[in-house]
Amino acid sequence: MRWTAVFSLFLLMAPSVAHAHLVGVEFGEFYAGALHLILDPGQLAALVALALIAGLQPRESGRWVLAGQPAGLAAGLGIGLFAPIASPIEPLMGAALAMTGLLAATALKLPIVVLVGAAGLAAALVGYVNGVSVDPGAGTIDWRLYAGGALFAGTMVGALSAAIAAVVADAAQWAPIAHRVLGSWIGAAGVMYLGLALAG
């Protein structure tokens, strides 16, 4: 009887609606854009996987990931803000996770054009997810500050993660294996995320 009461109380306290996107800008639009990207585990994991890809490439080509990522984020933000497609964003986020994670797991030495293209596409998907969260025509939020915050946060996460991956790779022989294992986890999470999004 006591467990029934506890379970009933738990059900009554359970929230009825959960909002996963921007619901307030108490700290300002710039910080709202930055936090929207940083506090989403899927977006964060995709950017970390991009850093792992850069860390597993030769230094000369790995640096190009850092060039492709901000450009991709900016392009995705622009499309999400001003030309969103009529499509749910969950499959797109799952695709970004799966692509970046599997590229990190395989550790293929890619041509620079392919590497920059993959990094730009994955970053564009992350940027798009942030862009569609704001309606610039509504006038309720300054989209320039919001986009600037998301772009700044995404670029900093990518740069810092890539720097950490490079330092660890230089310091330990096991680092490439650890990079590939972490990439495989991110890729597996992306495949499951994508499968659930498409099945639902």
N, C-alpha and C. Protein backbone atom coordinates (compact mmCIF):
# COMPACT_ATOMS: atom_id res chain seq x y z
N MET A 1 0.83 -1.20 0.00
CA MET A 1 0.00 0.00 0.00
C MET A 1 0.87 1.26 0.00
N ARG A 2 1.96 1.20 0.79
CA ARG A 2 2.83 2.35 0.88
C ARG A 2 3.50 2.63 -0.46
N TRP A 3 3.92 1.55 -1.19
CA TRP A 3 4.57 1.73 -2.48
C TRP A 3 3.59 2.28 -3.52
N THR A 4 2.33 1.90 -3.40
CA THR A 4 1.31 2.43 -4.31
C THR A 4 1.16 3.93 -4.13
N ALA A 5 1.18 4.38 -2.88
CA ALA A 5 1.07 5.82 -2.61
C ALA A 5 2.28 6.58 -3.15
N VAL A 6 3.47 6.01 -2.97
CA VAL A 6 4.68 6.66 -3.47
C VAL A 6 4.66 6.73 -4.99
N PHE A 7 4.24 5.64 -5.64
CA PHE A 7 4.18 5.61 -7.10
C PHE A 7 3.14 6.61 -7.61
N SER A 8 2.01 6.70 -6.94
CA SER A 8 0.97 7.65 -7.33
C SER A 8 1.45 9.08 -7.19
N LEU A 9 2.18 9.36 -6.11
CA LEU A 9 2.73 10.70 -5.92
C LEU A 9 3.75 11.03 -7.00
N PHE A 10 4.56 10.04 -7.37
CA PHE A 10 5.54 10.23 -8.44
C PHE A 10 4.85 10.57 -9.76
N LEU A 11 3.76 9.87 -10.07
CA LEU A 11 3.04 10.14 -11.32
C LEU A 11 2.42 11.53 -11.31
N LEU A 12 1.93 11.96 -10.16
CA LEU A 12 1.33 13.30 -10.07
C LEU A 12 2.37 14.40 -10.24
N MET A 13 3.60 14.13 -9.82
CA MET A 13 4.66 15.13 -9.91
C MET A 13 5.34 15.15 -11.28
N ALA A 14 5.07 14.14 -12.11
CA ALA A 14 5.72 14.07 -13.41
C ALA A 14 5.23 15.23 -14.29
N PRO A 15 6.16 15.88 -15.02
CA PRO A 15 5.74 17.00 -15.88
C PRO A 15 4.91 16.50 -17.06
N SER A 16 3.98 17.34 -17.49
CA SER A 16 3.13 16.95 -18.61
C SER A 16 3.73 17.35 -19.95
N VAL A 17 4.49 18.44 -19.98
CA VAL A 17 5.07 18.94 -21.22
C VAL A 17 6.53 19.30 -20.96
N ALA A 18 7.39 18.94 -21.88
CA ALA A 18 8.80 19.30 -21.79
C ALA A 18 9.18 20.12 -23.01
N HIS A 19 9.80 21.26 -22.78
CA HIS A 19 10.25 22.12 -23.88
C HIS A 19 11.75 21.95 -24.06
N ALA A 20 12.16 21.54 -25.25
CA ALA A 20 13.58 21.30 -25.50
C ALA A 20 14.24 22.47 -26.20
N HIS A 21 13.47 23.47 -26.56
CA HIS A 21 14.04 24.60 -27.28
C HIS A 21 13.85 25.89 -26.50
N LEU A 22 14.30 26.95 -27.09
CA LEU A 22 14.33 28.25 -26.45
C LEU A 22 12.97 28.64 -25.90
N VAL A 23 12.89 28.88 -24.60
CA VAL A 23 11.64 29.32 -23.99
C VAL A 23 11.81 30.65 -23.28
N GLY A 24 12.99 31.18 -23.22
CA GLY A 24 13.22 32.46 -22.58
C GLY A 24 14.60 32.98 -22.88
N VAL A 25 14.74 34.29 -22.77
CA VAL A 25 16.03 34.93 -23.04
C VAL A 25 16.42 35.80 -21.86
N GLU A 26 16.28 35.24 -20.65
CA GLU A 26 16.55 36.01 -19.45
C GLU A 26 17.97 36.54 -19.40
N PHE A 27 18.92 35.81 -20.00
CA PHE A 27 20.32 36.23 -19.98
C PHE A 27 20.70 37.01 -21.23
N GLY A 28 19.77 37.23 -22.13
CA GLY A 28 20.06 37.93 -23.37
C GLY A 28 20.10 36.99 -24.55
N GLU A 29 19.89 37.54 -25.73
CA GLU A 29 19.80 36.72 -26.94
C GLU A 29 21.11 36.04 -27.27
N PHE A 30 22.24 36.73 -27.08
CA PHE A 30 23.54 36.13 -27.40
C PHE A 30 23.75 34.87 -26.56
N TYR A 31 23.50 34.97 -25.27
CA TYR A 31 23.71 33.83 -24.38
C TYR A 31 22.67 32.74 -24.64
N ALA A 32 21.47 33.14 -25.04
CA ALA A 32 20.45 32.14 -25.37
C ALA A 32 20.91 31.28 -26.55
N GLY A 33 21.50 31.93 -27.57
CA GLY A 33 22.01 31.18 -28.71
C GLY A 33 23.16 30.26 -28.33
N ALA A 34 24.06 30.76 -27.48
CA ALA A 34 25.20 29.95 -27.07
C ALA A 34 24.75 28.76 -26.22
N LEU A 35 23.85 29.02 -25.27
CA LEU A 35 23.40 27.95 -24.38
C LEU A 35 22.55 26.92 -25.11
N HIS A 36 21.78 27.37 -26.11
CA HIS A 36 20.96 26.43 -26.86
C HIS A 36 21.82 25.37 -27.52
N LEU A 37 22.99 25.76 -27.98
CA LEU A 37 23.89 24.81 -28.63
C LEU A 37 24.66 23.99 -27.59
N ILE A 38 25.19 24.65 -26.58
CA ILE A 38 26.06 23.96 -25.61
C ILE A 38 25.29 22.96 -24.76
N LEU A 39 24.03 23.27 -24.43
CA LEU A 39 23.28 22.42 -23.51
C LEU A 39 22.53 21.29 -24.20
N ASP A 40 22.67 21.17 -25.51
CA ASP A 40 22.05 20.08 -26.24
C ASP A 40 23.08 18.97 -26.43
N PRO A 41 22.93 17.82 -25.77
CA PRO A 41 23.95 16.77 -25.87
C PRO A 41 24.22 16.31 -27.30
N GLY A 42 23.19 16.26 -28.14
CA GLY A 42 23.37 15.81 -29.52
C GLY A 42 24.25 16.76 -30.31
N GLN A 43 23.98 18.05 -30.21
CA GLN A 43 24.79 19.03 -30.93
C GLN A 43 26.22 19.05 -30.40
N LEU A 44 26.35 18.98 -29.10
CA LEU A 44 27.68 18.98 -28.49
C LEU A 44 28.48 17.75 -28.93
N ALA A 45 27.82 16.59 -28.96
CA ALA A 45 28.51 15.36 -29.37
C ALA A 45 28.94 15.43 -30.83
N ALA A 46 28.12 16.02 -31.70
CA ALA A 46 28.49 16.15 -33.10
C ALA A 46 29.73 17.03 -33.27
N LEU A 47 29.80 18.12 -32.50
CA LEU A 47 30.96 19.00 -32.59
C LEU A 47 32.22 18.34 -32.02
N VAL A 48 32.05 17.56 -30.95
CA VAL A 48 33.19 16.82 -30.39
C VAL A 48 33.68 15.78 -31.40
N ALA A 49 32.74 15.12 -32.09
CA ALA A 49 33.14 14.13 -33.09
C ALA A 49 33.91 14.80 -34.23
N LEU A 50 33.53 16.02 -34.60
CA LEU A 50 34.29 16.74 -35.62
C LEU A 50 35.72 16.99 -35.14
N ALA A 51 35.86 17.31 -33.84
CA ALA A 51 37.20 17.51 -33.29
C ALA A 51 38.00 16.21 -33.31
N LEU A 52 37.35 15.09 -33.04
CA LEU A 52 38.03 13.80 -33.09
C LEU A 52 38.49 13.49 -34.52
N ILE A 53 37.64 13.81 -35.49
CA ILE A 53 38.02 13.60 -36.89
C ILE A 53 39.28 14.41 -37.21
N ALA A 54 39.29 15.67 -36.77
CA ALA A 54 40.46 16.52 -37.01
C ALA A 54 41.69 15.96 -36.33
N GLY A 55 41.53 15.44 -35.11
CA GLY A 55 42.66 14.90 -34.37
C GLY A 55 43.23 13.63 -34.96
N LEU A 56 42.42 12.89 -35.71
CA LEU A 56 42.89 11.63 -36.31
C LEU A 56 43.49 11.82 -37.69
N GLN A 57 43.37 13.03 -38.24
CA GLN A 57 43.94 13.31 -39.56
C GLN A 57 45.36 13.85 -39.39
N PRO A 58 46.17 13.80 -40.45
CA PRO A 58 47.45 14.52 -40.41
C PRO A 58 47.21 16.00 -40.11
N ARG A 59 48.14 16.62 -39.40
CA ARG A 59 47.93 18.00 -38.95
C ARG A 59 47.59 18.96 -40.08
N GLU A 60 48.22 18.79 -41.22
CA GLU A 60 48.00 19.73 -42.33
C GLU A 60 46.55 19.70 -42.80
N SER A 61 45.96 18.51 -42.86
CA SER A 61 44.57 18.42 -43.31
C SER A 61 43.59 18.56 -42.15
N GLY A 62 44.00 18.16 -40.94
CA GLY A 62 43.11 18.28 -39.79
C GLY A 62 42.73 19.72 -39.47
N ARG A 63 43.65 20.63 -39.75
CA ARG A 63 43.36 22.05 -39.49
C ARG A 63 42.21 22.56 -40.35
N TRP A 64 42.01 21.94 -41.51
CA TRP A 64 40.95 22.40 -42.40
C TRP A 64 39.57 22.13 -41.82
N VAL A 65 39.46 21.18 -40.89
CA VAL A 65 38.17 20.95 -40.23
C VAL A 65 37.76 22.20 -39.47
N LEU A 66 38.73 22.84 -38.82
CA LEU A 66 38.45 24.06 -38.07
C LEU A 66 38.04 25.22 -38.98
N ALA A 67 38.42 25.15 -40.25
CA ALA A 67 37.99 26.17 -41.20
C ALA A 67 36.59 25.87 -41.71
N GLY A 68 36.31 24.59 -41.94
CA GLY A 68 35.00 24.21 -42.48
C GLY A 68 33.88 24.30 -41.46
N GLN A 69 34.21 24.10 -40.19
CA GLN A 69 33.15 24.07 -39.18
C GLN A 69 32.44 25.41 -38.99
N PRO A 70 33.14 26.55 -38.77
CA PRO A 70 32.41 27.82 -38.62
C PRO A 70 31.61 28.19 -39.87
N ALA A 71 32.18 27.91 -41.04
CA ALA A 71 31.45 28.22 -42.28
C ALA A 71 30.17 27.39 -42.36
N GLY A 72 30.26 26.11 -42.00
CA GLY A 72 29.07 25.26 -42.00
C GLY A 72 28.04 25.71 -40.99
N LEU A 73 28.50 26.07 -39.78
CA LEU A 73 27.57 26.56 -38.76
C LEU A 73 26.84 27.81 -39.25
N ALA A 74 27.59 28.75 -39.83
CA ALA A 74 26.97 29.99 -40.31
C ALA A 74 25.97 29.72 -41.41
N ALA A 75 26.32 28.82 -42.35
CA ALA A 75 25.39 28.50 -43.43
C ALA A 75 24.13 27.83 -42.90
N GLY A 76 24.30 26.88 -41.98
CA GLY A 76 23.14 26.21 -41.40
C GLY A 76 22.25 27.15 -40.62
N LEU A 77 22.86 28.05 -39.86
CA LEU A 77 22.07 29.05 -39.12
C LEU A 77 21.26 29.91 -40.08
N GLY A 78 21.90 30.35 -41.16
CA GLY A 78 21.20 31.19 -42.13
C GLY A 78 20.02 30.47 -42.77
N ILE A 79 20.23 29.22 -43.16
CA ILE A 79 19.14 28.46 -43.77
C ILE A 79 18.02 28.22 -42.76
N GLY A 80 18.39 27.87 -41.54
CA GLY A 80 17.37 27.62 -40.51
C GLY A 80 16.57 28.85 -40.17
N LEU A 81 17.22 30.02 -40.18
CA LEU A 81 16.53 31.26 -39.85
C LEU A 81 15.62 31.75 -40.97
N PHE A 82 16.10 31.66 -42.21
CA PHE A 82 15.40 32.34 -43.30
C PHE A 82 14.82 31.42 -44.37
N ALA A 83 15.25 30.17 -44.43
CA ALA A 83 14.71 29.26 -45.44
C ALA A 83 14.55 27.86 -44.88
N PRO A 84 13.83 27.73 -43.76
CA PRO A 84 13.68 26.39 -43.16
C PRO A 84 12.87 25.48 -44.07
N ILE A 85 13.23 24.21 -44.07
CA ILE A 85 12.50 23.23 -44.87
C ILE A 85 11.42 22.60 -44.00
N ALA A 86 10.38 22.12 -44.63
CA ALA A 86 9.27 21.51 -43.89
C ALA A 86 9.65 20.08 -43.54
N SER A 87 10.50 19.94 -42.57
CA SER A 87 10.99 18.61 -42.18
C SER A 87 11.29 18.62 -40.69
N PRO A 88 11.03 17.52 -39.99
CA PRO A 88 11.39 17.47 -38.57
C PRO A 88 12.91 17.51 -38.40
N ILE A 89 13.37 18.12 -37.31
CA ILE A 89 14.81 18.30 -37.14
C ILE A 89 15.49 17.08 -36.50
N GLU A 90 14.72 16.19 -35.88
CA GLU A 90 15.35 15.05 -35.21
C GLU A 90 16.14 14.15 -36.18
N PRO A 91 15.60 13.81 -37.36
CA PRO A 91 16.41 13.01 -38.29
C PRO A 91 17.69 13.72 -38.73
N LEU A 92 17.63 15.04 -38.87
CA LEU A 92 18.82 15.78 -39.28
C LEU A 92 19.89 15.71 -38.20
N MET A 93 19.48 15.84 -36.94
CA MET A 93 20.45 15.76 -35.85
C MET A 93 21.02 14.36 -35.74
N GLY A 94 20.17 13.35 -35.94
CA GLY A 94 20.65 11.97 -35.93
C GLY A 94 21.64 11.72 -37.06
N ALA A 95 21.37 12.30 -38.23
CA ALA A 95 22.29 12.14 -39.36
C ALA A 95 23.63 12.80 -39.08
N ALA A 96 23.62 13.98 -38.47
CA ALA A 96 24.87 14.67 -38.13
C ALA A 96 25.69 13.85 -37.15
N LEU A 97 25.02 13.31 -36.14
CA LEU A 97 25.72 12.48 -35.15
C LEU A 97 26.29 11.22 -35.78
N ALA A 98 25.47 10.54 -36.58
CA ALA A 98 25.92 9.30 -37.19
C ALA A 98 27.10 9.54 -38.13
N MET A 99 27.01 10.57 -38.97
CA MET A 99 28.06 10.84 -39.94
C MET A 99 29.38 11.19 -39.25
N THR A 100 29.35 12.12 -38.29
CA THR A 100 30.58 12.53 -37.64
C THR A 100 31.17 11.40 -36.79
N GLY A 101 30.31 10.70 -36.06
CA GLY A 101 30.80 9.61 -35.21
C GLY A 101 31.43 8.49 -36.01
N LEU A 102 30.78 8.10 -37.11
CA LEU A 102 31.31 7.00 -37.92
C LEU A 102 32.59 7.40 -38.66
N LEU A 103 32.69 8.66 -39.06
CA LEU A 103 33.94 9.12 -39.68
C LEU A 103 35.08 9.10 -38.66
N ALA A 104 34.78 9.49 -37.41
CA ALA A 104 35.81 9.44 -36.37
C ALA A 104 36.18 7.99 -36.05
N ALA A 105 35.19 7.10 -36.04
CA ALA A 105 35.45 5.69 -35.69
C ALA A 105 36.30 5.00 -36.74
N THR A 106 36.08 5.30 -38.01
CA THR A 106 36.84 4.63 -39.06
C THR A 106 38.24 5.21 -39.21
N ALA A 107 38.41 6.48 -38.80
CA ALA A 107 39.73 7.14 -38.86
C ALA A 107 40.34 7.08 -40.25
N LEU A 108 39.51 7.19 -41.28
CA LEU A 108 40.03 7.19 -42.65
C LEU A 108 40.81 8.47 -42.91
N LYS A 109 41.90 8.36 -43.63
CA LYS A 109 42.66 9.54 -44.05
C LYS A 109 41.98 10.08 -45.29
N LEU A 110 41.24 11.16 -45.12
CA LEU A 110 40.40 11.69 -46.18
C LEU A 110 41.10 12.80 -46.94
N PRO A 111 40.80 12.93 -48.24
CA PRO A 111 41.28 14.11 -48.97
C PRO A 111 40.71 15.38 -48.33
N ILE A 112 41.44 16.47 -48.48
CA ILE A 112 41.05 17.72 -47.81
C ILE A 112 39.66 18.17 -48.24
N VAL A 113 39.34 18.01 -49.53
CA VAL A 113 38.03 18.45 -50.03
C VAL A 113 36.91 17.66 -49.35
N VAL A 114 37.09 16.35 -49.24
CA VAL A 114 36.08 15.50 -48.60
C VAL A 114 35.99 15.83 -47.11
N LEU A 115 37.13 16.04 -46.48
CA LEU A 115 37.17 16.34 -45.05
C LEU A 115 36.45 17.64 -44.74
N VAL A 116 36.77 18.68 -45.49
CA VAL A 116 36.12 19.98 -45.27
C VAL A 116 34.63 19.89 -45.59
N GLY A 117 34.28 19.16 -46.65
CA GLY A 117 32.87 19.01 -47.00
C GLY A 117 32.08 18.30 -45.92
N ALA A 118 32.64 17.21 -45.37
CA ALA A 118 31.95 16.48 -44.31
C ALA A 118 31.83 17.32 -43.06
N ALA A 119 32.90 18.02 -42.70
CA ALA A 119 32.86 18.89 -41.52
C ALA A 119 31.85 20.01 -41.71
N GLY A 120 31.85 20.61 -42.89
CA GLY A 120 30.92 21.69 -43.17
C GLY A 120 29.47 21.23 -43.15
N LEU A 121 29.21 20.03 -43.73
CA LEU A 121 27.85 19.51 -43.75
C LEU A 121 27.35 19.20 -42.35
N ALA A 122 28.18 18.53 -41.54
CA ALA A 122 27.76 18.21 -40.17
C ALA A 122 27.54 19.47 -39.36
N ALA A 123 28.44 20.45 -39.50
CA ALA A 123 28.28 21.71 -38.77
C ALA A 123 27.05 22.47 -39.27
N ALA A 124 26.75 22.38 -40.57
CA ALA A 124 25.56 23.03 -41.11
C ALA A 124 24.29 22.44 -40.52
N LEU A 125 24.27 21.12 -40.32
CA LEU A 125 23.10 20.48 -39.71
C LEU A 125 22.92 20.96 -38.27
N VAL A 126 24.03 21.09 -37.53
CA VAL A 126 23.95 21.61 -36.17
C VAL A 126 23.47 23.06 -36.18
N GLY A 127 24.02 23.87 -37.10
CA GLY A 127 23.58 25.26 -37.21
C GLY A 127 22.11 25.37 -37.59
N TYR A 128 21.66 24.50 -38.48
CA TYR A 128 20.25 24.52 -38.90
C TYR A 128 19.32 24.24 -37.73
N VAL A 129 19.70 23.27 -36.89
CA VAL A 129 18.87 22.94 -35.73
C VAL A 129 18.72 24.16 -34.82
N ASN A 130 19.77 24.96 -34.71
CA ASN A 130 19.68 26.17 -33.90
C ASN A 130 18.88 27.26 -34.60
N GLY A 131 19.05 27.37 -35.91
CA GLY A 131 18.36 28.42 -36.65
C GLY A 131 16.85 28.28 -36.66
N VAL A 132 16.35 27.04 -36.79
CA VAL A 132 14.90 26.86 -36.86
C VAL A 132 14.21 27.10 -35.51
N SER A 133 14.99 27.30 -34.45
CA SER A 133 14.41 27.55 -33.13
C SER A 133 13.95 28.99 -32.98
N VAL A 134 14.28 29.84 -33.94
CA VAL A 134 13.96 31.26 -33.85
C VAL A 134 13.21 31.69 -35.10
N ASP A 135 12.19 32.50 -34.92
CA ASP A 135 11.46 33.09 -36.04
C ASP A 135 11.87 34.55 -36.15
N PRO A 136 12.77 34.90 -37.08
CA PRO A 136 13.24 36.28 -37.15
C PRO A 136 12.15 37.28 -37.49
N GLY A 137 11.08 36.82 -38.14
CA GLY A 137 9.99 37.73 -38.49
C GLY A 137 9.09 38.09 -37.33
N ALA A 138 9.14 37.31 -36.25
CA ALA A 138 8.25 37.56 -35.11
C ALA A 138 8.66 38.80 -34.33
N GLY A 139 9.94 39.13 -34.37
CA GLY A 139 10.41 40.31 -33.66
C GLY A 139 10.52 40.14 -32.16
N THR A 140 10.39 38.93 -31.66
CA THR A 140 10.47 38.70 -30.22
C THR A 140 11.90 38.52 -29.74
N ILE A 141 12.83 38.31 -30.65
CA ILE A 141 14.22 38.09 -30.29
C ILE A 141 15.10 38.63 -31.40
N ASP A 142 16.22 39.21 -31.03
CA ASP A 142 17.17 39.72 -32.01
C ASP A 142 17.93 38.53 -32.59
N TRP A 143 17.58 38.13 -33.80
CA TRP A 143 18.16 36.92 -34.38
C TRP A 143 19.66 37.06 -34.62
N ARG A 144 20.14 38.30 -34.81
CA ARG A 144 21.57 38.49 -35.05
C ARG A 144 22.39 38.13 -33.80
N LEU A 145 21.91 38.56 -32.65
CA LEU A 145 22.61 38.21 -31.40
C LEU A 145 22.50 36.72 -31.12
N TYR A 146 21.32 36.17 -31.34
CA TYR A 146 21.12 34.74 -31.10
C TYR A 146 22.05 33.91 -31.99
N ALA A 147 22.08 34.23 -33.28
CA ALA A 147 22.93 33.49 -34.22
C ALA A 147 24.40 33.69 -33.89
N GLY A 148 24.76 34.90 -33.48
CA GLY A 148 26.15 35.17 -33.09
C GLY A 148 26.56 34.33 -31.89
N GLY A 149 25.67 34.18 -30.91
CA GLY A 149 25.96 33.35 -29.75
C GLY A 149 26.14 31.90 -30.11
N ALA A 150 25.26 31.38 -30.97
CA ALA A 150 25.37 29.98 -31.39
C ALA A 150 26.64 29.75 -32.20
N LEU A 151 26.97 30.70 -33.09
CA LEU A 151 28.18 30.57 -33.90
C LEU A 151 29.43 30.63 -33.04
N PHE A 152 29.44 31.56 -32.08
CA PHE A 152 30.60 31.68 -31.19
C PHE A 152 30.78 30.41 -30.36
N ALA A 153 29.68 29.93 -29.77
CA ALA A 153 29.77 28.74 -28.92
C ALA A 153 30.21 27.52 -29.72
N GLY A 154 29.64 27.33 -30.91
CA GLY A 154 30.00 26.18 -31.72
C GLY A 154 31.45 26.22 -32.17
N THR A 155 31.92 27.40 -32.53
CA THR A 155 33.31 27.54 -32.96
C THR A 155 34.27 27.28 -31.79
N MET A 156 33.94 27.83 -30.61
CA MET A 156 34.81 27.63 -29.45
C MET A 156 34.84 26.16 -29.01
N VAL A 157 33.67 25.51 -29.00
CA VAL A 157 33.63 24.09 -28.64
C VAL A 157 34.48 23.28 -29.60
N GLY A 158 34.33 23.55 -30.89
CA GLY A 158 35.11 22.82 -31.88
C GLY A 158 36.60 23.05 -31.74
N ALA A 159 37.01 24.31 -31.57
CA ALA A 159 38.43 24.64 -31.47
C ALA A 159 39.05 24.04 -30.20
N LEU A 160 38.36 24.18 -29.07
CA LEU A 160 38.90 23.65 -27.82
C LEU A 160 38.95 22.13 -27.83
N SER A 161 37.91 21.50 -28.36
CA SER A 161 37.90 20.04 -28.44
C SER A 161 39.00 19.52 -29.35
N ALA A 162 39.22 20.20 -30.47
CA ALA A 162 40.28 19.79 -31.39
C ALA A 162 41.65 19.97 -30.76
N ALA A 163 41.83 21.06 -30.00
CA ALA A 163 43.10 21.29 -29.32
C ALA A 163 43.36 20.20 -28.28
N ILE A 164 42.34 19.84 -27.51
CA ILE A 164 42.48 18.79 -26.51
C ILE A 164 42.80 17.46 -27.18
N ALA A 165 42.09 17.16 -28.28
CA ALA A 165 42.33 15.90 -29.00
C ALA A 165 43.76 15.84 -29.53
N ALA A 166 44.27 16.97 -30.02
CA ALA A 166 45.63 16.99 -30.57
C ALA A 166 46.67 16.83 -29.46
N VAL A 167 46.44 17.50 -28.32
CA VAL A 167 47.39 17.39 -27.20
C VAL A 167 47.41 15.96 -26.66
N VAL A 168 46.23 15.35 -26.50
CA VAL A 168 46.17 13.98 -26.00
C VAL A 168 46.81 13.02 -26.99
N ALA A 169 46.58 13.25 -28.28
CA ALA A 169 47.17 12.37 -29.30
C ALA A 169 48.70 12.42 -29.26
N ASP A 170 49.27 13.60 -28.96
CA ASP A 170 50.72 13.72 -28.87
C ASP A 170 51.27 13.11 -27.59
N ALA A 171 50.46 13.09 -26.53
CA ALA A 171 50.96 12.67 -25.23
C ALA A 171 50.85 11.17 -24.98
N ALA A 172 49.96 10.49 -25.68
CA ALA A 172 49.71 9.08 -25.36
C ALA A 172 49.55 8.26 -26.64
N GLN A 173 50.12 7.06 -26.63
CA GLN A 173 50.02 6.19 -27.80
C GLN A 173 48.61 5.62 -27.96
N TRP A 174 47.89 5.51 -26.85
CA TRP A 174 46.55 4.93 -26.92
C TRP A 174 45.50 5.93 -27.38
N ALA A 175 45.88 7.21 -27.54
CA ALA A 175 44.89 8.24 -27.85
C ALA A 175 44.12 7.98 -29.14
N PRO A 176 44.77 7.56 -30.25
CA PRO A 176 43.98 7.30 -31.46
C PRO A 176 42.91 6.23 -31.27
N ILE A 177 43.23 5.20 -30.46
CA ILE A 177 42.24 4.17 -30.20
C ILE A 177 41.08 4.74 -29.39
N ALA A 178 41.42 5.56 -28.37
CA ALA A 178 40.36 6.19 -27.55
C ALA A 178 39.50 7.11 -28.41
N HIS A 179 40.13 7.85 -29.33
CA HIS A 179 39.37 8.73 -30.23
C HIS A 179 38.38 7.91 -31.06
N ARG A 180 38.86 6.78 -31.59
CA ARG A 180 38.00 5.95 -32.43
C ARG A 180 36.87 5.32 -31.63
N VAL A 181 37.16 4.90 -30.41
CA VAL A 181 36.12 4.31 -29.56
C VAL A 181 35.04 5.35 -29.25
N LEU A 182 35.47 6.55 -28.84
CA LEU A 182 34.50 7.60 -28.55
C LEU A 182 33.69 7.95 -29.80
N GLY A 183 34.37 8.00 -30.95
CA GLY A 183 33.65 8.25 -32.20
C GLY A 183 32.64 7.17 -32.51
N SER A 184 32.98 5.91 -32.22
CA SER A 184 32.04 4.82 -32.48
C SER A 184 30.81 4.93 -31.58
N TRP A 185 31.01 5.37 -30.33
CA TRP A 185 29.86 5.57 -29.44
C TRP A 185 28.96 6.68 -29.95
N ILE A 186 29.58 7.77 -30.39
CA ILE A 186 28.79 8.89 -30.93
C ILE A 186 28.06 8.44 -32.20
N GLY A 187 28.76 7.70 -33.06
CA GLY A 187 28.11 7.21 -34.28
C GLY A 187 26.97 6.27 -33.99
N ALA A 188 27.15 5.35 -33.01
CA ALA A 188 26.08 4.42 -32.65
C ALA A 188 24.89 5.17 -32.08
N ALA A 189 25.16 6.19 -31.25
CA ALA A 189 24.06 7.00 -30.71
C ALA A 189 23.32 7.71 -31.83
N GLY A 190 24.07 8.20 -32.83
CA GLY A 190 23.44 8.87 -33.96
C GLY A 190 22.58 7.93 -34.79
N VAL A 191 23.06 6.71 -35.02
CA VAL A 191 22.28 5.73 -35.78
C VAL A 191 20.99 5.38 -35.04
N MET A 192 21.09 5.19 -33.71
CA MET A 192 19.88 4.89 -32.93
C MET A 192 18.92 6.08 -32.92
N TYR A 193 19.48 7.27 -32.75
CA TYR A 193 18.67 8.51 -32.76
C TYR A 193 17.94 8.64 -34.10
N LEU A 194 18.69 8.42 -35.18
CA LEU A 194 18.10 8.51 -36.52
C LEU A 194 17.02 7.46 -36.72
N GLY A 195 17.30 6.23 -36.28
CA GLY A 195 16.31 5.16 -36.42
C GLY A 195 15.03 5.46 -35.65
N LEU A 196 15.17 5.94 -34.43
CA LEU A 196 13.99 6.27 -33.62
C LEU A 196 13.22 7.43 -34.24
N ALA A 197 13.96 8.43 -34.76
CA ALA A 197 13.28 9.59 -35.37
C ALA A 197 12.51 9.19 -36.62
N LEU A 198 13.09 8.29 -37.42
CA LEU A 198 12.41 7.87 -38.64
C LEU A 198 11.25 6.91 -38.35
N ALA A 199 11.43 6.11 -37.29
CA ALA A 199 10.35 5.15 -36.93
C ALA A 199 9.16 5.87 -36.32
N GLY A 200 9.43 6.98 -35.61
CA GLY A 200 8.35 7.69 -34.94
C GLY A 200 7.63 8.58 -35.89
